[in-house]
Amino acid sequence: MSVARNTLVQSSLTLGSRILGMVRDILLIAKIGAGPIGDAWATAQQFPNLFRRIFAEGAFASAFVPTYARTLEAEGMEAARDVAQEALRVLFAATAALTILAQIFMPWVLLLIHGGQADDPESYGLAVLLTRITMPYLTFMAMAALLSGVLNSAERFILSAGAPTLLNLSLIPAAFVAPDAKGTALAAAMAYLVAGVLQAGALWWGVNRQKVRLSLIGWPRMTPAVKKVLKLAIPGTIAASGTQINIIVSQSLASFEVGAKSWLYAADRLYQLPLGLVGVAVGVAILPRLSRAARASDDGSSRRTMDEGIGLAMALTL
């Protein structure tokens, strides 16, 4: 029942977010259209998300939650807080450095996924500008993913599941700010950055409510706990990188047909719905319980939790 309840919380809030996301996409796609500006906007969204799936929601977050949960179970809240704080500082420093480098080298880096329109200075320049605006979203989402892990380890799922709604609530008004497609794309890019700040801020507030006081002030240190998180994250990073390389190649090819990236972006939203409602929700719900069972070497509990998760995912999928 606990897995089902936690999954229901995740799925319900994700469903609300996806409905708002559908409204957001209808409004923005209708306003921006499928063409050079639409392709530039699609690129500006996809580029930071390539790294977000590796650093934030993917390998690092999956490695952090078990380490944090085991430390919380074995050594108490203070030790777990230290793990979270050191991991947060390292993650912030790494993603901030990556963001700064991307800002400097964006005109050349973007050739990887938008090279097909490089011979159109106006269209390509707009893609570079929009992506520079949205790129800091990576840093805020990396922080948000780690803070969500802290909340999820305490089986507090409402805020972490509801935070993505802030992205849609930020982007929907952007569709009404400017009268033309280019102005709308610029407004949407700025709203993307604002949404990252709001999501990280909301989750920081939620973590403080759990009496886990974190601080970004101080040099990042490679403590044994952080090294353990990184070691666990390496296989996941390699696995996630394969998918992201595939996306880079497909987006690069699509950039040679004006409008194709806009069409693919719209189509991509459809299969993301069941992925978020079922796959991600079940995975987030069972991970803290699996971590505690692993810490206690309770193989029976691990198997039961996995069986519940797989059975629930299959039932919801069907």
C-alpha atoms as a PDB file:
ATOM      1  CA  MET A   1       0.000   0.000   0.000  1.00  0.00           C
ATOM      2  CA  SER A   2       2.877   2.355   0.739  1.00  0.00           C
ATOM      3  CA  VAL A   3       4.339   1.905  -2.756  1.00  0.00           C
ATOM      4  CA  ALA A   4       0.896   2.306  -4.335  1.00  0.00           C
ATOM      5  CA  ARG A   5       0.149   5.422  -2.253  1.00  0.00           C
ATOM      6  CA  ASN A   6       3.478   7.064  -3.028  1.00  0.00           C
ATOM      7  CA  THR A   7       3.126   6.196  -6.705  1.00  0.00           C
ATOM      8  CA  LEU A   8      -0.403   7.652  -6.719  1.00  0.00           C
ATOM      9  CA  VAL A   9       0.913  10.914  -5.236  1.00  0.00           C
ATOM     10  CA  GLN A  10       3.658  11.075  -7.881  1.00  0.00           C
ATOM     11  CA  SER A  11       1.309  10.147 -10.733  1.00  0.00           C
ATOM     12  CA  SER A  12      -1.483  12.515  -9.711  1.00  0.00           C
ATOM     13  CA  LEU A  13       0.808  15.515  -9.458  1.00  0.00           C
ATOM     14  CA  THR A  14       2.635  14.485 -12.629  1.00  0.00           C
ATOM     15  CA  LEU A  15      -0.701  14.190 -14.444  1.00  0.00           C
ATOM     16  CA  GLY A  16      -1.608  17.720 -13.358  1.00  0.00           C
ATOM     17  CA  SER A  17       1.778  18.954 -14.540  1.00  0.00           C
ATOM     18  CA  ARG A  18       1.426  17.130 -17.882  1.00  0.00           C
ATOM     19  CA  ILE A  19      -2.014  18.650 -18.476  1.00  0.00           C
ATOM     20  CA  LEU A  20      -0.551  22.100 -17.858  1.00  0.00           C
ATOM     21  CA  GLY A  21       2.353  21.098 -20.106  1.00  0.00           C
ATOM     22  CA  MET A  22      -0.095  20.252 -22.889  1.00  0.00           C
ATOM     23  CA  VAL A  23      -1.701  23.683 -22.490  1.00  0.00           C
ATOM     24  CA  ARG A  24       1.772  25.265 -22.515  1.00  0.00           C
ATOM     25  CA  ASP A  25       2.792  23.449 -25.706  1.00  0.00           C
ATOM     26  CA  ILE A  26      -0.488  24.224 -27.493  1.00  0.00           C
ATOM     27  CA  LEU A  27      -0.100  27.924 -26.746  1.00  0.00           C
ATOM     28  CA  LEU A  28       3.625  28.221 -27.527  1.00  0.00           C
ATOM     29  CA  ILE A  29       3.584  26.038 -30.652  1.00  0.00           C
ATOM     30  CA  ALA A  30       0.559  27.936 -31.980  1.00  0.00           C
ATOM     31  CA  LYS A  31       2.334  31.234 -31.365  1.00  0.00           C
ATOM     32  CA  ILE A  32       5.867  30.294 -32.470  1.00  0.00           C
ATOM     33  CA  GLY A  33       4.984  27.793 -35.197  1.00  0.00           C
ATOM     34  CA  ALA A  34       7.114  25.219 -37.002  1.00  0.00           C
ATOM     35  CA  GLY A  35       9.986  26.961 -38.747  1.00  0.00           C
ATOM     36  CA  PRO A  36      13.370  28.538 -38.031  1.00  0.00           C
ATOM     37  CA  ILE A  37      12.170  30.230 -34.833  1.00  0.00           C
ATOM     38  CA  GLY A  38      10.386  27.089 -33.663  1.00  0.00           C
ATOM     39  CA  ASP A  39      13.536  25.056 -34.334  1.00  0.00           C
ATOM     40  CA  ALA A  40      15.640  27.570 -32.366  1.00  0.00           C
ATOM     41  CA  TRP A  41      13.218  27.353 -29.424  1.00  0.00           C
ATOM     42  CA  ALA A  42      13.232  23.533 -29.535  1.00  0.00           C
ATOM     43  CA  THR A  43      17.049  23.584 -29.506  1.00  0.00           C
ATOM     44  CA  ALA A  44      17.123  25.975 -26.545  1.00  0.00           C
ATOM     45  CA  GLN A  45      14.983  23.548 -24.544  1.00  0.00           C
ATOM     46  CA  GLN A  46      16.770  20.383 -25.571  1.00  0.00           C
ATOM     47  CA  PHE A  47      20.391  21.396 -25.028  1.00  0.00           C
ATOM     48  CA  PRO A  48      20.338  21.944 -21.229  1.00  0.00           C
ATOM     49  CA  ASN A  49      18.027  18.942 -20.898  1.00  0.00           C
ATOM     50  CA  LEU A  50      20.635  16.698 -22.533  1.00  0.00           C
ATOM     51  CA  PHE A  51      22.909  17.320 -19.558  1.00  0.00           C
ATOM     52  CA  ARG A  52      20.081  17.470 -17.028  1.00  0.00           C
ATOM     53  CA  ARG A  53      19.171  13.858 -17.731  1.00  0.00           C
ATOM     54  CA  ILE A  54      22.777  12.831 -17.066  1.00  0.00           C
ATOM     55  CA  PHE A  55      23.707  15.054 -14.115  1.00  0.00           C
ATOM     56  CA  ALA A  56      20.407  15.822 -12.458  1.00  0.00           C
ATOM     57  CA  GLU A  57      17.486  13.462 -12.919  1.00  0.00           C
ATOM     58  CA  GLY A  58      19.580  10.543 -14.110  1.00  0.00           C
ATOM     59  CA  ALA A  59      22.738   8.950 -12.811  1.00  0.00           C
ATOM     60  CA  PHE A  60      23.722  11.375 -10.058  1.00  0.00           C
ATOM     61  CA  ALA A  61      20.267  11.523  -8.460  1.00  0.00           C
ATOM     62  CA  SER A  62      19.886   7.736  -8.635  1.00  0.00           C
ATOM     63  CA  ALA A  63      23.268   7.315  -6.948  1.00  0.00           C
ATOM     64  CA  PHE A  64      22.682  10.012  -4.329  1.00  0.00           C
ATOM     65  CA  VAL A  65      19.396   8.696  -2.908  1.00  0.00           C
ATOM     66  CA  PRO A  66      20.727   5.264  -1.827  1.00  0.00           C
ATOM     67  CA  THR A  67      23.863   6.828  -0.308  1.00  0.00           C
ATOM     68  CA  TYR A  68      21.857   9.460   1.563  1.00  0.00           C
ATOM     69  CA  ALA A  69      19.202   6.970   2.716  1.00  0.00           C
ATOM     70  CA  ARG A  70      21.793   4.477   3.972  1.00  0.00           C
ATOM     71  CA  THR A  71      23.682   7.194   5.843  1.00  0.00           C
ATOM     72  CA  LEU A  72      20.425   8.431   7.379  1.00  0.00           C
ATOM     73  CA  GLU A  73      19.537   4.898   8.477  1.00  0.00           C
ATOM     74  CA  ALA A  74      22.973   4.001   9.849  1.00  0.00           C
ATOM     75  CA  GLU A  75      24.455   7.264  11.166  1.00  0.00           C
ATOM     76  CA  GLY A  76      21.557   9.624  11.736  1.00  0.00           C
ATOM     77  CA  MET A  77      20.334  12.958  10.426  1.00  0.00           C
ATOM     78  CA  GLU A  78      23.501  15.003  11.013  1.00  0.00           C
ATOM     79  CA  ALA A  79      25.738  12.634   9.031  1.00  0.00           C
ATOM     80  CA  ALA A  80      23.172  12.446   6.245  1.00  0.00           C
ATOM     81  CA  ARG A  81      22.970  16.242   6.140  1.00  0.00           C
ATOM     82  CA  ASP A  82      26.738  16.421   5.686  1.00  0.00           C
ATOM     83  CA  VAL A  83      26.508  13.977   2.767  1.00  0.00           C
ATOM     84  CA  ALA A  84      23.759  16.050   1.147  1.00  0.00           C
ATOM     85  CA  GLN A  85      25.627  19.337   1.640  1.00  0.00           C
ATOM     86  CA  GLU A  86      28.931  18.107   0.211  1.00  0.00           C
ATOM     87  CA  ALA A  87      27.168  16.439  -2.730  1.00  0.00           C
ATOM     88  CA  LEU A  88      25.183  19.611  -3.372  1.00  0.00           C
ATOM     89  CA  ARG A  89      28.330  21.770  -3.434  1.00  0.00           C
ATOM     90  CA  VAL A  90      30.126  19.422  -5.817  1.00  0.00           C
ATOM     91  CA  LEU A  91      27.097  19.149  -8.108  1.00  0.00           C
ATOM     92  CA  PHE A  92      26.581  22.920  -8.102  1.00  0.00           C
ATOM     93  CA  ALA A  93      30.250  23.600  -8.906  1.00  0.00           C
ATOM     94  CA  ALA A  94      30.326  21.026 -11.734  1.00  0.00           C
ATOM     95  CA  THR A  95      27.122  22.176 -13.429  1.00  0.00           C
ATOM     96  CA  ALA A  96      27.951  25.875 -12.960  1.00  0.00           C
ATOM     97  CA  ALA A  97      31.359  25.344 -14.585  1.00  0.00           C
ATOM     98  CA  LEU A  98      29.721  23.445 -17.453  1.00  0.00           C
ATOM     99  CA  THR A  99      27.189  26.256 -17.885  1.00  0.00           C
ATOM    100  CA  ILE A 100      29.907  28.920 -18.009  1.00  0.00           C
ATOM    101  CA  LEU A 101      31.897  26.959 -20.599  1.00  0.00           C
ATOM    102  CA  ALA A 102      28.755  26.452 -22.662  1.00  0.00           C
ATOM    103  CA  GLN A 103      28.036  30.190 -22.597  1.00  0.00           C
ATOM    104  CA  ILE A 104      31.512  30.949 -23.932  1.00  0.00           C
ATOM    105  CA  PHE A 105      31.623  28.276 -26.630  1.00  0.00           C
ATOM    106  CA  MET A 106      27.904  28.096 -27.507  1.00  0.00           C
ATOM    107  CA  PRO A 107      28.282  29.184 -31.186  1.00  0.00           C
ATOM    108  CA  TRP A 108      30.578  26.207 -31.799  1.00  0.00           C
ATOM    109  CA  VAL A 109      29.012  23.704 -29.399  1.00  0.00           C
ATOM    110  CA  LEU A 110      25.576  24.188 -30.923  1.00  0.00           C
ATOM    111  CA  LEU A 111      26.896  22.909 -34.242  1.00  0.00           C
ATOM    112  CA  LEU A 112      26.427  19.452 -32.713  1.00  0.00           C
ATOM    113  CA  ILE A 113      22.639  19.640 -32.643  1.00  0.00           C
ATOM    114  CA  HIS A 114      21.778  22.629 -34.836  1.00  0.00           C
ATOM    115  CA  GLY A 115      24.499  22.578 -37.476  1.00  0.00           C
ATOM    116  CA  GLY A 116      22.040  22.196 -40.331  1.00  0.00           C
ATOM    117  CA  GLN A 117      20.999  25.838 -39.966  1.00  0.00           C
ATOM    118  CA  ALA A 118      24.477  27.268 -39.345  1.00  0.00           C
ATOM    119  CA  ASP A 119      24.464  28.840 -42.824  1.00  0.00           C
ATOM    120  CA  ASP A 120      21.511  31.042 -41.802  1.00  0.00           C
ATOM    121  CA  PRO A 121      23.109  33.643 -39.473  1.00  0.00           C
ATOM    122  CA  GLU A 122      19.788  35.028 -38.226  1.00  0.00           C
ATOM    123  CA  SER A 123      18.216  31.659 -37.384  1.00  0.00           C
ATOM    124  CA  TYR A 124      21.402  30.180 -35.948  1.00  0.00           C
ATOM    125  CA  GLY A 125      22.163  33.344 -33.967  1.00  0.00           C
ATOM    126  CA  LEU A 126      18.688  33.175 -32.422  1.00  0.00           C
ATOM    127  CA  ALA A 127      19.262  29.539 -31.429  1.00  0.00           C
ATOM    128  CA  VAL A 128      22.567  30.512 -29.782  1.00  0.00           C
ATOM    129  CA  LEU A 129      20.934  33.398 -27.897  1.00  0.00           C
ATOM    130  CA  LEU A 130      17.962  31.350 -26.674  1.00  0.00           C
ATOM    131  CA  THR A 131      20.185  28.469 -25.567  1.00  0.00           C
ATOM    132  CA  ARG A 132      22.488  30.827 -23.663  1.00  0.00           C
ATOM    133  CA  ILE A 133      19.425  32.075 -21.786  1.00  0.00           C
ATOM    134  CA  THR A 134      18.111  28.593 -20.942  1.00  0.00           C
ATOM    135  CA  MET A 135      21.459  26.941 -20.162  1.00  0.00           C
ATOM    136  CA  PRO A 136      21.609  28.006 -16.456  1.00  0.00           C
ATOM    137  CA  TYR A 137      18.427  25.962 -16.016  1.00  0.00           C
ATOM    138  CA  LEU A 138      20.767  22.946 -15.832  1.00  0.00           C
ATOM    139  CA  THR A 139      22.379  24.154 -12.593  1.00  0.00           C
ATOM    140  CA  PHE A 140      19.082  24.881 -10.881  1.00  0.00           C
ATOM    141  CA  MET A 141      17.587  21.558 -11.960  1.00  0.00           C
ATOM    142  CA  ALA A 142      20.655  19.680 -10.730  1.00  0.00           C
ATOM    143  CA  MET A 143      20.144  21.282  -7.326  1.00  0.00           C
ATOM    144  CA  ALA A 144      16.416  20.540  -7.492  1.00  0.00           C
ATOM    145  CA  ALA A 145      17.061  16.860  -8.256  1.00  0.00           C
ATOM    146  CA  LEU A 146      19.348  16.471  -5.248  1.00  0.00           C
ATOM    147  CA  LEU A 147      16.920  18.312  -2.956  1.00  0.00           C
ATOM    148  CA  SER A 148      14.124  16.069  -4.252  1.00  0.00           C
ATOM    149  CA  GLY A 149      16.264  13.078  -3.300  1.00  0.00           C
ATOM    150  CA  VAL A 150      16.503  14.370   0.278  1.00  0.00           C
ATOM    151  CA  LEU A 151      12.710  14.746   0.455  1.00  0.00           C
ATOM    152  CA  ASN A 152      12.016  11.404  -1.209  1.00  0.00           C
ATOM    153  CA  SER A 153      14.352   9.630   1.232  1.00  0.00           C
ATOM    154  CA  ALA A 154      12.084  10.905   3.998  1.00  0.00           C
ATOM    155  CA  GLU A 155       9.104   9.666   1.921  1.00  0.00           C
ATOM    156  CA  ARG A 156       7.947  13.235   1.311  1.00  0.00           C
ATOM    157  CA  PHE A 157       6.875  13.138  -2.326  1.00  0.00           C
ATOM    158  CA  ILE A 158       4.320  15.917  -2.742  1.00  0.00           C
ATOM    159  CA  LEU A 159       6.678  18.880  -3.164  1.00  0.00           C
ATOM    160  CA  SER A 160       9.210  17.046  -5.352  1.00  0.00           C
ATOM    161  CA  ALA A 161       6.416  15.762  -7.615  1.00  0.00           C
ATOM    162  CA  GLY A 162       4.665  19.127  -7.750  1.00  0.00           C
ATOM    163  CA  ALA A 163       7.724  21.307  -8.406  1.00  0.00           C
ATOM    164  CA  PRO A 164       7.764  20.690 -12.210  1.00  0.00           C
ATOM    165  CA  THR A 165       4.362  22.380 -12.368  1.00  0.00           C
ATOM    166  CA  LEU A 166       6.207  25.664 -11.786  1.00  0.00           C
ATOM    167  CA  LEU A 167       7.853  25.301 -15.216  1.00  0.00           C
ATOM    168  CA  ASN A 168       4.480  25.173 -16.955  1.00  0.00           C
ATOM    169  CA  LEU A 169       3.047  27.971 -14.816  1.00  0.00           C
ATOM    170  CA  SER A 170       6.045  30.117 -15.806  1.00  0.00           C
ATOM    171  CA  LEU A 171       5.884  29.312 -19.530  1.00  0.00           C
ATOM    172  CA  ILE A 172       2.139  29.699 -20.108  1.00  0.00           C
ATOM    173  CA  PRO A 173       2.152  33.496 -19.525  1.00  0.00           C
ATOM    174  CA  ALA A 174       5.117  33.802 -21.912  1.00  0.00           C
ATOM    175  CA  ALA A 175       2.778  32.925 -24.784  1.00  0.00           C
ATOM    176  CA  PHE A 176       0.915  36.225 -24.236  1.00  0.00           C
ATOM    177  CA  VAL A 177       3.835  38.605 -23.635  1.00  0.00           C
ATOM    178  CA  ALA A 178       4.888  39.380 -27.213  1.00  0.00           C
ATOM    179  CA  PRO A 179       2.853  39.728 -30.424  1.00  0.00           C
ATOM    180  CA  ASP A 180       5.320  37.930 -32.691  1.00  0.00           C
ATOM    181  CA  ALA A 181       7.022  34.531 -32.768  1.00  0.00           C
ATOM    182  CA  LYS A 182      10.541  35.780 -32.017  1.00  0.00           C
ATOM    183  CA  GLY A 183       9.417  37.837 -29.021  1.00  0.00           C
ATOM    184  CA  THR A 184       7.441  34.867 -27.702  1.00  0.00           C
ATOM    185  CA  ALA A 185      10.486  32.599 -28.005  1.00  0.00           C
ATOM    186  CA  LEU A 186      12.638  35.103 -26.083  1.00  0.00           C
ATOM    187  CA  ALA A 187       9.982  35.450 -23.378  1.00  0.00           C
ATOM    188  CA  ALA A 188       9.688  31.670 -23.105  1.00  0.00           C
ATOM    189  CA  ALA A 189      13.461  31.299 -22.747  1.00  0.00           C
ATOM    190  CA  MET A 190      13.494  33.829 -19.900  1.00  0.00           C
ATOM    191  CA  ALA A 191      10.538  32.033 -18.295  1.00  0.00           C
ATOM    192  CA  TYR A 192      12.515  28.781 -18.503  1.00  0.00           C
ATOM    193  CA  LEU A 193      15.299  30.322 -16.435  1.00  0.00           C
ATOM    194  CA  VAL A 194      12.842  31.806 -13.926  1.00  0.00           C
ATOM    195  CA  ALA A 195      11.184  28.392 -13.553  1.00  0.00           C
ATOM    196  CA  GLY A 196      14.526  26.802 -12.663  1.00  0.00           C
ATOM    197  CA  VAL A 197      15.036  29.345  -9.876  1.00  0.00           C
ATOM    198  CA  LEU A 198      11.488  28.792  -8.578  1.00  0.00           C
ATOM    199  CA  GLN A 199      11.779  24.993  -8.588  1.00  0.00           C
ATOM    200  CA  ALA A 200      15.111  24.963  -6.771  1.00  0.00           C
ATOM    201  CA  GLY A 201      13.824  27.571  -4.310  1.00  0.00           C
ATOM    202  CA  ALA A 202      10.630  25.653  -3.548  1.00  0.00           C
ATOM    203  CA  LEU A 203      12.525  22.415  -2.912  1.00  0.00           C
ATOM    204  CA  TRP A 204      15.120  24.215  -0.772  1.00  0.00           C
ATOM    205  CA  TRP A 205      12.240  25.514   1.347  1.00  0.00           C
ATOM    206  CA  GLY A 206      10.811  21.988   1.596  1.00  0.00           C
ATOM    207  CA  VAL A 207      14.145  20.538   2.714  1.00  0.00           C
ATOM    208  CA  ASN A 208      14.459  23.258   5.371  1.00  0.00           C
ATOM    209  CA  ARG A 209      10.986  22.327   6.583  1.00  0.00           C
ATOM    210  CA  GLN A 210      12.394  18.842   7.208  1.00  0.00           C
ATOM    211  CA  LYS A 211      15.059  20.502   9.395  1.00  0.00           C
ATOM    212  CA  VAL A 212      17.847  19.615   6.944  1.00  0.00           C
ATOM    213  CA  ARG A 213      19.873  22.844   6.811  1.00  0.00           C
ATOM    214  CA  LEU A 214      22.079  22.992   3.733  1.00  0.00           C
ATOM    215  CA  SER A 215      24.470  25.692   2.549  1.00  0.00           C
ATOM    216  CA  LEU A 216      26.255  26.390  -0.725  1.00  0.00           C
ATOM    217  CA  ILE A 217      28.845  28.568   1.030  1.00  0.00           C
ATOM    218  CA  GLY A 218      32.159  26.724   1.098  1.00  0.00           C
ATOM    219  CA  TRP A 219      34.506  24.947  -1.295  1.00  0.00           C
ATOM    220  CA  PRO A 220      33.301  21.660  -2.778  1.00  0.00           C
ATOM    221  CA  ARG A 221      35.198  18.714  -1.299  1.00  0.00           C
ATOM    222  CA  MET A 222      35.617  15.179  -2.570  1.00  0.00           C
ATOM    223  CA  THR A 223      34.672  13.474   0.685  1.00  0.00           C
ATOM    224  CA  PRO A 224      34.392   9.657   0.877  1.00  0.00           C
ATOM    225  CA  ALA A 225      30.601   9.930   0.637  1.00  0.00           C
ATOM    226  CA  VAL A 226      30.785  12.139  -2.466  1.00  0.00           C
ATOM    227  CA  LYS A 227      33.315   9.769  -4.049  1.00  0.00           C
ATOM    228  CA  LYS A 228      30.925   6.906  -3.344  1.00  0.00           C
ATOM    229  CA  VAL A 229      28.070   8.772  -5.045  1.00  0.00           C
ATOM    230  CA  LEU A 230      30.259   9.497  -8.077  1.00  0.00           C
ATOM    231  CA  LYS A 231      31.421   5.891  -8.227  1.00  0.00           C
ATOM    232  CA  LEU A 232      27.823   4.695  -8.223  1.00  0.00           C
ATOM    233  CA  ALA A 233      26.881   7.313 -10.812  1.00  0.00           C
ATOM    234  CA  ILE A 234      29.519   6.342 -13.395  1.00  0.00           C
ATOM    235  CA  PRO A 235      27.700   3.277 -14.819  1.00  0.00           C
ATOM    236  CA  GLY A 236      24.447   5.237 -14.994  1.00  0.00           C
ATOM    237  CA  THR A 237      26.205   8.149 -16.668  1.00  0.00           C
ATOM    238  CA  ILE A 238      27.649   5.850 -19.315  1.00  0.00           C
ATOM    239  CA  ALA A 239      24.235   4.302 -19.911  1.00  0.00           C
ATOM    240  CA  ALA A 240      22.493   7.691 -20.087  1.00  0.00           C
ATOM    241  CA  SER A 241      25.188   9.065 -22.388  1.00  0.00           C
ATOM    242  CA  GLY A 242      24.328   6.463 -25.016  1.00  0.00           C
ATOM    243  CA  THR A 243      20.762   7.715 -25.195  1.00  0.00           C
ATOM    244  CA  GLN A 244      21.860  11.351 -25.242  1.00  0.00           C
ATOM    245  CA  ILE A 245      24.358  10.721 -28.058  1.00  0.00           C
ATOM    246  CA  ASN A 246      21.483   9.194 -30.033  1.00  0.00           C
ATOM    247  CA  ILE A 247      19.433  12.345 -29.393  1.00  0.00           C
ATOM    248  CA  ILE A 248      22.340  14.582 -30.469  1.00  0.00           C
ATOM    249  CA  VAL A 249      22.712  12.685 -33.751  1.00  0.00           C
ATOM    250  CA  SER A 250      18.968  12.698 -34.500  1.00  0.00           C
ATOM    251  CA  GLN A 251      18.645  16.396 -33.664  1.00  0.00           C
ATOM    252  CA  SER A 252      21.655  17.226 -35.807  1.00  0.00           C
ATOM    253  CA  LEU A 253      20.119  15.409 -38.768  1.00  0.00           C
ATOM    254  CA  ALA A 254      16.717  17.016 -38.187  1.00  0.00           C
ATOM    255  CA  SER A 255      18.279  20.490 -38.213  1.00  0.00           C
ATOM    256  CA  PHE A 256      18.882  20.178 -41.958  1.00  0.00           C
ATOM    257  CA  GLU A 257      15.118  20.291 -42.599  1.00  0.00           C
ATOM    258  CA  VAL A 258      13.629  23.584 -41.426  1.00  0.00           C
ATOM    259  CA  GLY A 259      10.669  22.884 -39.159  1.00  0.00           C
ATOM    260  CA  ALA A 260      11.552  19.234 -38.507  1.00  0.00           C
ATOM    261  CA  LYS A 261      12.812  19.862 -34.967  1.00  0.00           C
ATOM    262  CA  SER A 262       9.587  21.674 -34.152  1.00  0.00           C
ATOM    263  CA  TRP A 263       7.507  18.743 -35.402  1.00  0.00           C
ATOM    264  CA  LEU A 264       9.625  16.194 -33.551  1.00  0.00           C
ATOM    265  CA  TYR A 265       9.405  18.205 -30.328  1.00  0.00           C
ATOM    266  CA  ALA A 266       5.602  18.201 -30.494  1.00  0.00           C
ATOM    267  CA  ALA A 267       5.502  14.449 -31.183  1.00  0.00           C
ATOM    268  CA  ASP A 268       8.006  13.731 -28.409  1.00  0.00           C
ATOM    269  CA  ARG A 269       5.608  15.088 -25.783  1.00  0.00           C
ATOM    270  CA  LEU A 270       3.193  12.178 -26.355  1.00  0.00           C
ATOM    271  CA  TYR A 271       5.429   9.302 -25.259  1.00  0.00           C
ATOM    272  CA  GLN A 272       6.751  11.338 -22.349  1.00  0.00           C
ATOM    273  CA  LEU A 273       3.300  11.170 -20.730  1.00  0.00           C
ATOM    274  CA  PRO A 274       3.236   7.455 -19.753  1.00  0.00           C
ATOM    275  CA  LEU A 275       6.962   7.568 -19.003  1.00  0.00           C
ATOM    276  CA  GLY A 276       6.409  10.240 -16.368  1.00  0.00           C
ATOM    277  CA  LEU A 277       3.098   8.937 -15.034  1.00  0.00           C
ATOM    278  CA  VAL A 278       4.181   5.311 -14.632  1.00  0.00           C
ATOM    279  CA  GLY A 279       7.900   4.643 -15.018  1.00  0.00           C
ATOM    280  CA  VAL A 280       9.349   7.613 -13.157  1.00  0.00           C
ATOM    281  CA  ALA A 281       6.619   7.627 -10.499  1.00  0.00           C
ATOM    282  CA  VAL A 282       7.082   3.962  -9.563  1.00  0.00           C
ATOM    283  CA  GLY A 283      10.874   4.265  -9.608  1.00  0.00           C
ATOM    284  CA  VAL A 284      10.868   7.296  -7.311  1.00  0.00           C
ATOM    285  CA  ALA A 285       8.383   5.641  -4.937  1.00  0.00           C
ATOM    286  CA  ILE A 286      10.324   2.398  -4.417  1.00  0.00           C
ATOM    287  CA  LEU A 287      13.916   3.716  -4.363  1.00  0.00           C
ATOM    288  CA  PRO A 288      14.014   4.841  -0.691  1.00  0.00           C
ATOM    289  CA  ARG A 289      12.510   1.543   0.502  1.00  0.00           C
ATOM    290  CA  LEU A 290      14.950  -0.447  -1.615  1.00  0.00           C
ATOM    291  CA  SER A 291      17.849   1.564  -0.180  1.00  0.00           C
ATOM    292  CA  ARG A 292      16.808   0.849   3.403  1.00  0.00           C
ATOM    293  CA  ALA A 293      16.313  -2.859   2.654  1.00  0.00           C
ATOM    294  CA  ALA A 294      19.769  -3.009   1.054  1.00  0.00           C
ATOM    295  CA  ARG A 295      21.307  -1.331   4.080  1.00  0.00           C
ATOM    296  CA  ALA A 296      19.652  -3.893   6.355  1.00  0.00           C
ATOM    297  CA  SER A 297      20.634  -6.766   3.996  1.00  0.00           C
ATOM    298  CA  ASP A 298      16.942  -7.676   3.917  1.00  0.00           C
ATOM    299  CA  ASP A 299      16.727  -9.553   0.612  1.00  0.00           C
ATOM    300  CA  GLY A 300      13.122 -10.549   1.248  1.00  0.00           C
ATOM    301  CA  SER A 301      11.992  -6.952   1.622  1.00  0.00           C
ATOM    302  CA  SER A 302      13.973  -5.947  -1.480  1.00  0.00           C
ATOM    303  CA  ARG A 303      12.278  -8.642  -3.549  1.00  0.00           C
ATOM    304  CA  ARG A 304       8.822  -7.742  -2.254  1.00  0.00           C
ATOM    305  CA  THR A 305       9.349  -4.056  -2.999  1.00  0.00           C
ATOM    306  CA  MET A 306      10.589  -4.825  -6.513  1.00  0.00           C
ATOM    307  CA  ASP A 307       7.669  -7.191  -7.105  1.00  0.00           C
ATOM    308  CA  GLU A 308       5.207  -4.523  -5.955  1.00  0.00           C
ATOM    309  CA  GLY A 309       6.832  -1.911  -8.175  1.00  0.00           C
ATOM    310  CA  ILE A 310       6.953  -4.121 -11.281  1.00  0.00           C
ATOM    311  CA  GLY A 311       3.393  -5.355 -10.761  1.00  0.00           C
ATOM    312  CA  LEU A 312       2.089  -1.825 -10.252  1.00  0.00           C
ATOM    313  CA  ALA A 313       3.962  -0.514 -13.301  1.00  0.00           C
ATOM    314  CA  MET A 314       2.581  -3.322 -15.471  1.00  0.00           C
ATOM    315  CA  ALA A 315      -0.980  -2.761 -14.197  1.00  0.00           C
ATOM    316  CA  LEU A 316      -0.822   1.000 -14.788  1.00  0.00           C
ATOM    317  CA  THR A 317       0.764   0.525 -18.231  1.00  0.00           C
ATOM    318  CA  LEU A 318      -1.921  -1.921 -19.294  1.00  0.00           C
END
